[in-house]
Protein backbone atom coordinates (compact mmCIF):
# COMPACT_ATOMS: atom_id res chain seq x y z
CA MET A 1 77.71 135.06 117.01
CA LYS A 2 77.86 132.24 114.45
CA ILE A 3 81.08 130.85 113.00
CA LYS A 4 81.14 128.44 110.04
CA TYR A 5 84.21 126.30 109.42
CA ASN A 6 85.31 123.21 107.51
CA SER A 7 86.99 120.86 109.99
CA ASN A 8 88.62 118.67 107.31
CA LEU A 9 90.21 121.67 105.67
CA ILE A 10 91.51 123.10 108.95
CA SER A 11 92.85 119.82 110.36
CA GLY A 12 94.34 118.78 107.01
CA ALA A 13 96.21 122.06 106.67
CA LEU A 14 97.35 122.02 110.29
CA PHE A 15 98.72 118.47 110.18
CA LEU A 16 100.30 119.07 106.78
CA VAL A 17 102.29 121.95 108.25
CA VAL A 18 103.19 119.88 111.34
CA GLY A 19 104.19 116.87 109.22
CA ILE A 20 106.38 118.87 106.84
CA THR A 21 108.02 120.72 109.73
CA MET A 22 108.79 117.52 111.59
CA ARG A 23 109.97 115.83 108.38
CA LEU A 24 112.45 118.64 107.88
CA LEU A 25 113.60 118.42 111.51
CA VAL A 26 114.21 114.65 111.63
CA PRO A 27 117.68 114.69 110.01
CA SER A 28 118.93 117.23 112.53
CA GLN A 29 117.33 115.44 115.49
CA ILE A 30 118.25 111.84 114.68
CA LYS A 31 121.93 111.67 113.83
CA THR A 32 122.79 108.44 112.03
CA TYR A 33 126.22 107.49 110.79
CA GLU A 34 125.00 104.25 109.27
CA THR A 35 125.16 103.76 105.54
CA SER A 36 122.47 101.08 105.34
CA ASP A 37 118.97 101.74 104.05
CA ILE A 38 117.36 101.01 107.40
CA ASN A 39 118.62 103.08 110.31
CA ALA A 40 117.33 104.94 113.35
CA ALA A 41 115.48 107.52 111.25
CA THR A 42 113.59 105.01 109.07
CA ILE A 43 110.47 104.52 111.20
CA PRO A 44 110.02 108.22 112.11
CA MET A 45 110.40 109.14 108.44
CA LEU A 46 107.86 106.51 107.35
CA LEU A 47 105.37 107.71 109.95
CA LEU A 48 105.86 111.35 109.00
CA ASN A 49 105.50 110.53 105.29
CA MET A 50 102.23 108.77 106.14
CA LEU A 51 101.09 111.81 108.19
CA ILE A 52 101.84 114.10 105.24
CA LEU A 53 100.02 111.82 102.80
CA LEU A 54 96.94 111.50 105.00
CA SER A 55 96.95 115.26 105.65
CA ILE A 56 96.93 115.89 101.91
CA ILE A 57 94.00 113.48 101.52
CA LEU A 58 92.13 115.22 104.34
CA LEU A 59 92.91 118.61 102.80
CA ILE A 60 91.51 117.46 99.43
CA GLN A 61 88.38 116.16 101.17
CA GLY A 62 87.99 119.53 102.88
CA ILE A 63 88.32 121.39 99.60
CA CYS A 64 85.78 119.14 97.85
CA ASP A 65 83.30 119.17 100.74
CA LYS A 66 81.10 122.26 100.76
CA ALA A 67 79.38 121.46 104.06
CA LYS A 68 80.56 123.54 106.96
CA LYS A 69 79.98 123.11 110.66
CA GLU A 70 78.31 125.98 112.41
CA VAL A 71 79.24 127.00 115.93
CA ILE A 72 77.24 129.50 117.92
CA LEU A 73 79.30 131.42 120.44
CA SER A 74 77.41 132.55 123.49
CA LYS A 75 78.04 133.36 127.11
CA LYS A 76 77.01 129.83 128.13
CA LEU A 77 80.16 128.10 126.91
CA LEU A 78 80.64 125.93 130.00
CA ASN A 79 77.85 123.44 129.48
CA LYS A 80 78.10 119.63 129.45
CA GLU A 81 78.58 119.40 125.68
CA THR A 82 81.47 121.85 125.67
CA LEU A 83 83.16 120.19 128.63
CA ALA A 84 82.85 116.80 126.92
CA LYS A 85 84.57 118.24 123.85
CA LEU A 86 87.43 119.49 126.05
CA LYS A 87 88.33 115.99 127.30
CA PRO A 88 90.81 115.28 124.46
CA LEU A 89 92.44 118.67 125.02
CA ILE A 90 92.86 117.98 128.73
CA TYR A 91 94.27 114.55 127.87
CA MET A 92 96.83 116.19 125.56
CA LEU A 93 97.75 118.62 128.32
CA MET A 94 98.33 115.65 130.62
CA LEU A 95 100.69 114.14 128.03
CA LEU A 96 102.49 117.46 127.70
CA ALA A 97 102.90 117.67 131.48
CA TYR A 98 104.24 114.09 131.43
CA GLY A 99 106.86 115.08 128.88
CA MET A 100 107.88 118.05 131.00
CA ILE A 101 108.04 116.08 134.27
CA LEU A 102 109.85 113.06 132.78
CA PRO A 103 113.41 114.47 132.74
CA TYR A 104 113.15 115.62 136.36
CA ALA A 105 111.12 112.90 138.08
CA GLY A 106 112.25 109.93 136.00
CA PHE A 107 110.33 107.27 134.13
CA THR A 108 108.73 105.46 137.04
CA ILE A 109 107.32 108.40 138.99
CA SER A 110 106.15 110.39 135.96
CA SER A 111 104.58 107.32 134.33
CA LEU A 112 102.78 106.44 137.55
CA LEU A 113 101.44 109.99 137.79
CA LEU A 114 100.32 110.00 134.15
CA SER A 115 98.68 106.59 134.02
CA ASN A 116 96.89 106.87 137.36
CA GLY A 117 95.93 110.46 136.55
CA ILE A 118 94.38 109.33 133.27
CA LEU A 119 92.46 106.59 135.05
CA LEU A 120 91.19 109.11 137.60
CA TYR A 121 90.28 111.64 134.94
CA PHE A 122 88.28 109.16 132.88
CA GLY A 123 86.53 107.85 135.98
CA ALA A 124 87.95 104.38 136.53
CA ARG A 125 86.45 103.20 139.81
CA LYS A 126 87.86 99.72 140.16
CA TRP A 127 90.95 99.67 142.36
CA TRP A 128 92.59 96.80 140.48
CA PHE A 129 92.84 98.96 137.33
CA TYR A 130 95.24 101.19 139.22
CA VAL A 131 97.19 98.18 140.52
CA ILE A 132 97.47 96.63 137.05
CA VAL A 133 98.63 99.87 135.43
CA SER A 134 101.15 100.55 138.19
CA ALA A 135 102.48 96.99 138.05
CA ASN A 136 102.93 97.27 134.29
CA ILE A 137 105.04 100.38 134.74
CA PHE A 138 107.31 98.62 137.22
CA ILE A 139 107.53 95.59 134.92
CA ALA A 140 108.39 97.79 131.93
CA TYR A 141 111.07 99.56 133.96
CA TYR A 142 112.56 96.23 135.06
CA VAL A 143 112.53 94.78 131.55
CA PHE A 144 114.12 97.81 129.94
CA SER A 145 116.72 98.52 132.62
CA ASN A 146 117.74 94.98 133.65
CA LEU A 147 116.94 92.63 130.78
CA LEU A 148 117.44 94.89 127.76
CA ASN A 149 120.04 97.19 129.37
CA VAL A 150 118.27 100.29 128.11
CA ALA A 151 118.63 103.34 130.33
CA LEU A 152 115.33 105.05 131.03
CA PRO A 153 115.19 108.63 132.31
């Protein structure tokens, strides 16, 4: 079976919906009692406005572009090409698992699991990569908790 789709149109529409939804949720999620122009919600709002703008540009490109990608669905879906395309999805699932583990295991343990898991997944073979990444997590924890007095989960 053959499926034709326009990736710019699909991704532009998807991220436009995500951007608008998150833009509407920011005031309820980030409570600020400051009256100044720059407050805790400024950077998230700027980033979400940029996401919405770029999504609109991508949507316009998708509408103007008539070329469509063609995908052939067959029983041989688990080949090397398909598995290579799944790498970003698996990476996103790792980040989602990190977000779910973080409140229970804390910053240090969950960050060690995520960073070393990513290195393993992408095939890092040199042992000092793991040492450097792990040391950076401990350094970040020390800086935030002791020097900046910021509580990490």
